Amino acid sequence: MRKIGMIIIHCTATPAGRNVSVEEIDSWHRRRGFKGIGYHYVIGLDGSIGLGRELELPGAHTLHFNQHSVGVAYVGGLDAKGRPADTRTPAQRKALVRLLTFLRGEFPEARILGHNDLAAKACPCFNAAEEYKDI
């Protein structure tokens, strides 16, 4: 297993309320030249936790940080006008806490960060490091 030092939270940059499947994201990422979906987990609007890339494999989600991180994306991140916004549903919020708690149990040294902590991006459209600092 890879040494994991970060759990990086993303959004799919899709409009609030538009559900997106792991398979759809996989096709987007393949069209961009990736070997498949770049995220390890995807949180659906209903709080379902979809499995993406195998955890043993580096992701393709945060340039320069994929080798030692786990990528988690929630579906959403844009408001009705296409602007960055925290669009997490209550079910997604609960699922994120559940998944992050599990991942921190597996990788206790890993820091939880947002994509915006490592790149000049709005994603995931909230302060993940602050929100999840107690996990």
C-alpha atoms as a PDB file:
ATOM      1  CA  MET A   1       0.000   0.000   0.000  1.00  0.00           C
ATOM      2  CA  ARG A   2       1.133   3.548  -0.707  1.00  0.00           C
ATOM      3  CA  LYS A   3       2.105   5.850   2.154  1.00  0.00           C
ATOM      4  CA  ILE A   4      -0.806   8.274   2.507  1.00  0.00           C
ATOM      5  CA  GLY A   5      -0.118  11.721   3.954  1.00  0.00           C
ATOM      6  CA  MET A   6      -3.189  13.601   2.718  1.00  0.00           C
ATOM      7  CA  ILE A   7      -6.861  13.097   2.108  1.00  0.00           C
ATOM      8  CA  ILE A   8      -7.854  15.738  -0.430  1.00  0.00           C
ATOM      9  CA  ILE A   9     -11.487  16.847  -0.803  1.00  0.00           C
ATOM     10  CA  HIS A  10     -12.835  17.930  -4.199  1.00  0.00           C
ATOM     11  CA  CYS A  11     -16.118  18.776  -5.856  1.00  0.00           C
ATOM     12  CA  THR A  12     -17.141  17.628  -9.331  1.00  0.00           C
ATOM     13  CA  ALA A  13     -17.784  21.240 -10.459  1.00  0.00           C
ATOM     14  CA  THR A  14     -21.294  20.352 -11.558  1.00  0.00           C
ATOM     15  CA  PRO A  15     -24.508  22.302 -10.844  1.00  0.00           C
ATOM     16  CA  ALA A  16     -26.317  21.765  -7.556  1.00  0.00           C
ATOM     17  CA  GLY A  17     -28.893  19.006  -7.857  1.00  0.00           C
ATOM     18  CA  ARG A  18     -27.351  17.369 -10.940  1.00  0.00           C
ATOM     19  CA  ASN A  19     -26.369  13.855 -10.014  1.00  0.00           C
ATOM     20  CA  VAL A  20     -23.200  12.469 -11.576  1.00  0.00           C
ATOM     21  CA  SER A  21     -22.126   8.846 -11.491  1.00  0.00           C
ATOM     22  CA  VAL A  22     -18.682   7.360 -11.003  1.00  0.00           C
ATOM     23  CA  GLU A  23     -18.978   6.048 -14.566  1.00  0.00           C
ATOM     24  CA  GLU A  24     -19.671   9.526 -15.958  1.00  0.00           C
ATOM     25  CA  ILE A  25     -16.686  11.020 -14.125  1.00  0.00           C
ATOM     26  CA  ASP A  26     -14.575   8.118 -15.352  1.00  0.00           C
ATOM     27  CA  SER A  27     -15.522   8.988 -18.948  1.00  0.00           C
ATOM     28  CA  TRP A  28     -14.676  12.685 -18.402  1.00  0.00           C
ATOM     29  CA  HIS A  29     -11.285  11.800 -16.996  1.00  0.00           C
ATOM     30  CA  ARG A  30     -10.516   9.295 -19.780  1.00  0.00           C
ATOM     31  CA  ARG A  31     -11.320  11.982 -22.376  1.00  0.00           C
ATOM     32  CA  ARG A  32      -8.762  14.186 -20.605  1.00  0.00           C
ATOM     33  CA  GLY A  33      -6.148  11.460 -21.058  1.00  0.00           C
ATOM     34  CA  PHE A  34      -6.283   9.882 -17.591  1.00  0.00           C
ATOM     35  CA  LYS A  35      -6.166   6.098 -17.200  1.00  0.00           C
ATOM     36  CA  GLY A  36      -9.582   6.266 -15.543  1.00  0.00           C
ATOM     37  CA  ILE A  37     -11.371   8.187 -12.843  1.00  0.00           C
ATOM     38  CA  GLY A  38      -8.908  10.264 -10.841  1.00  0.00           C
ATOM     39  CA  TYR A  39     -10.777  10.177  -7.521  1.00  0.00           C
ATOM     40  CA  HIS A  40     -10.747   7.238  -5.133  1.00  0.00           C
ATOM     41  CA  TYR A  41     -14.246   7.997  -3.772  1.00  0.00           C
ATOM     42  CA  VAL A  42     -17.252   9.968  -5.021  1.00  0.00           C
ATOM     43  CA  ILE A  43     -20.069  11.101  -2.723  1.00  0.00           C
ATOM     44  CA  GLY A  44     -23.435  11.190  -4.533  1.00  0.00           C
ATOM     45  CA  LEU A  45     -26.229  13.648  -3.803  1.00  0.00           C
ATOM     46  CA  ASP A  46     -27.997  10.975  -1.744  1.00  0.00           C
ATOM     47  CA  GLY A  47     -24.891  10.350   0.381  1.00  0.00           C
ATOM     48  CA  SER A  48     -23.915   7.166  -1.404  1.00  0.00           C
ATOM     49  CA  ILE A  49     -20.181   6.537  -1.439  1.00  0.00           C
ATOM     50  CA  GLY A  50     -19.026   5.374  -4.851  1.00  0.00           C
ATOM     51  CA  LEU A  51     -15.702   3.662  -5.378  1.00  0.00           C
ATOM     52  CA  GLY A  52     -13.474   5.175  -8.022  1.00  0.00           C
ATOM     53  CA  ARG A  53      -9.812   4.416  -8.599  1.00  0.00           C
ATOM     54  CA  GLU A  54      -8.391   1.611  -6.473  1.00  0.00           C
ATOM     55  CA  LEU A  55      -6.871   2.941  -3.273  1.00  0.00           C
ATOM     56  CA  GLU A  56      -3.603   1.126  -3.960  1.00  0.00           C
ATOM     57  CA  LEU A  57      -3.118   3.273  -7.072  1.00  0.00           C
ATOM     58  CA  PRO A  58      -2.142   6.954  -7.049  1.00  0.00           C
ATOM     59  CA  GLY A  59      -5.024   9.206  -7.996  1.00  0.00           C
ATOM     60  CA  ALA A  60      -5.220  11.843 -10.711  1.00  0.00           C
ATOM     61  CA  HIS A  61      -6.857  14.674  -8.793  1.00  0.00           C
ATOM     62  CA  THR A  62      -4.238  17.128  -7.455  1.00  0.00           C
ATOM     63  CA  LEU A  63      -1.156  17.891  -9.521  1.00  0.00           C
ATOM     64  CA  HIS A  64       2.092  17.063  -7.659  1.00  0.00           C
ATOM     65  CA  PHE A  65       0.219  15.461  -4.716  1.00  0.00           C
ATOM     66  CA  ASN A  66      -1.332  12.285  -6.128  1.00  0.00           C
ATOM     67  CA  GLN A  67       1.336   9.778  -5.117  1.00  0.00           C
ATOM     68  CA  HIS A  68       0.713  10.087  -1.372  1.00  0.00           C
ATOM     69  CA  SER A  69      -2.931  11.130  -1.175  1.00  0.00           C
ATOM     70  CA  VAL A  70      -6.486   9.870  -1.382  1.00  0.00           C
ATOM     71  CA  GLY A  71      -8.906  11.868  -3.555  1.00  0.00           C
ATOM     72  CA  VAL A  72     -12.514  12.263  -2.414  1.00  0.00           C
ATOM     73  CA  ALA A  73     -15.044  14.234  -4.476  1.00  0.00           C
ATOM     74  CA  TYR A  74     -18.594  15.251  -3.666  1.00  0.00           C
ATOM     75  CA  VAL A  75     -21.030  15.737  -6.544  1.00  0.00           C
ATOM     76  CA  GLY A  76     -21.763  19.434  -6.994  1.00  0.00           C
ATOM     77  CA  GLY A  77     -19.822  22.609  -6.355  1.00  0.00           C
ATOM     78  CA  LEU A  78     -21.592  25.077  -8.664  1.00  0.00           C
ATOM     79  CA  ASP A  79     -24.681  27.195  -8.004  1.00  0.00           C
ATOM     80  CA  ALA A  80     -27.500  27.695 -10.531  1.00  0.00           C
ATOM     81  CA  LYS A  81     -25.474  30.410 -12.302  1.00  0.00           C
ATOM     82  CA  GLY A  82     -22.377  28.210 -12.610  1.00  0.00           C
ATOM     83  CA  ARG A  83     -20.434  29.933  -9.828  1.00  0.00           C
ATOM     84  CA  PRO A  84     -18.425  28.015  -7.219  1.00  0.00           C
ATOM     85  CA  ALA A  85     -20.603  27.225  -4.186  1.00  0.00           C
ATOM     86  CA  ASP A  86     -20.771  24.733  -1.351  1.00  0.00           C
ATOM     87  CA  THR A  87     -23.704  22.686  -2.598  1.00  0.00           C
ATOM     88  CA  ARG A  88     -23.302  19.645  -0.324  1.00  0.00           C
ATOM     89  CA  THR A  89     -26.586  18.065   0.646  1.00  0.00           C
ATOM     90  CA  PRO A  90     -27.174  17.005   4.263  1.00  0.00           C
ATOM     91  CA  ALA A  91     -26.680  13.399   3.137  1.00  0.00           C
ATOM     92  CA  GLN A  92     -23.351  14.284   1.499  1.00  0.00           C
ATOM     93  CA  ARG A  93     -22.184  16.069   4.648  1.00  0.00           C
ATOM     94  CA  LYS A  94     -22.932  12.980   6.747  1.00  0.00           C
ATOM     95  CA  ALA A  95     -21.309  10.642   4.236  1.00  0.00           C
ATOM     96  CA  LEU A  96     -18.172  12.786   4.093  1.00  0.00           C
ATOM     97  CA  VAL A  97     -17.796  12.661   7.869  1.00  0.00           C
ATOM     98  CA  ARG A  98     -18.333   8.887   7.830  1.00  0.00           C
ATOM     99  CA  LEU A  99     -15.826   8.338   4.997  1.00  0.00           C
ATOM    100  CA  LEU A 100     -13.216  10.725   6.400  1.00  0.00           C
ATOM    101  CA  THR A 101     -13.483   9.097   9.826  1.00  0.00           C
ATOM    102  CA  PHE A 102     -12.886   5.708   8.202  1.00  0.00           C
ATOM    103  CA  LEU A 103      -9.944   6.996   6.135  1.00  0.00           C
ATOM    104  CA  ARG A 104      -8.307   8.667   9.144  1.00  0.00           C
ATOM    105  CA  GLY A 105      -8.606   5.337  10.951  1.00  0.00           C
ATOM    106  CA  GLU A 106      -6.768   3.682   8.061  1.00  0.00           C
ATOM    107  CA  PHE A 107      -4.254   6.525   7.655  1.00  0.00           C
ATOM    108  CA  PRO A 108      -3.971   8.258  11.055  1.00  0.00           C
ATOM    109  CA  GLU A 109      -1.122  10.543   9.973  1.00  0.00           C
ATOM    110  CA  ALA A 110      -2.986  11.878   6.926  1.00  0.00           C
ATOM    111  CA  ARG A 111      -4.075  15.501   6.900  1.00  0.00           C
ATOM    112  CA  ILE A 112      -7.498  16.374   5.532  1.00  0.00           C
ATOM    113  CA  LEU A 113      -7.262  19.225   3.030  1.00  0.00           C
ATOM    114  CA  GLY A 114      -9.296  20.827   0.290  1.00  0.00           C
ATOM    115  CA  HIS A 115      -8.045  20.991  -3.279  1.00  0.00           C
ATOM    116  CA  ASN A 116      -8.011  24.772  -2.723  1.00  0.00           C
ATOM    117  CA  ASP A 117      -5.337  24.318  -0.028  1.00  0.00           C
ATOM    118  CA  LEU A 118      -2.928  22.945  -2.647  1.00  0.00           C
ATOM    119  CA  ALA A 119      -3.896  24.750  -5.856  1.00  0.00           C
ATOM    120  CA  ALA A 120      -5.364  28.074  -6.972  1.00  0.00           C
ATOM    121  CA  LYS A 121      -8.866  26.624  -7.237  1.00  0.00           C
ATOM    122  CA  ALA A 122     -12.211  27.218  -5.539  1.00  0.00           C
ATOM    123  CA  CYS A 123     -12.736  23.448  -5.265  1.00  0.00           C
ATOM    124  CA  PRO A 124     -14.218  22.077  -3.008  1.00  0.00           C
ATOM    125  CA  CYS A 125     -15.886  25.454  -2.368  1.00  0.00           C
ATOM    126  CA  PHE A 126     -15.523  25.324   1.431  1.00  0.00           C
ATOM    127  CA  ASN A 127     -12.692  25.179   3.975  1.00  0.00           C
ATOM    128  CA  ALA A 128     -12.214  21.419   4.326  1.00  0.00           C
ATOM    129  CA  ALA A 129      -9.131  21.655   6.558  1.00  0.00           C
ATOM    130  CA  GLU A 130     -11.052  23.764   9.090  1.00  0.00           C
ATOM    131  CA  GLU A 131     -14.326  21.849   8.882  1.00  0.00           C
ATOM    132  CA  TYR A 132     -12.706  18.457   9.368  1.00  0.00           C
ATOM    133  CA  LYS A 133      -9.858  19.400  11.706  1.00  0.00           C
ATOM    134  CA  ASP A 134     -11.305  17.306  14.547  1.00  0.00           C
ATOM    135  CA  ILE A 135     -11.548  14.066  12.576  1.00  0.00           C
END
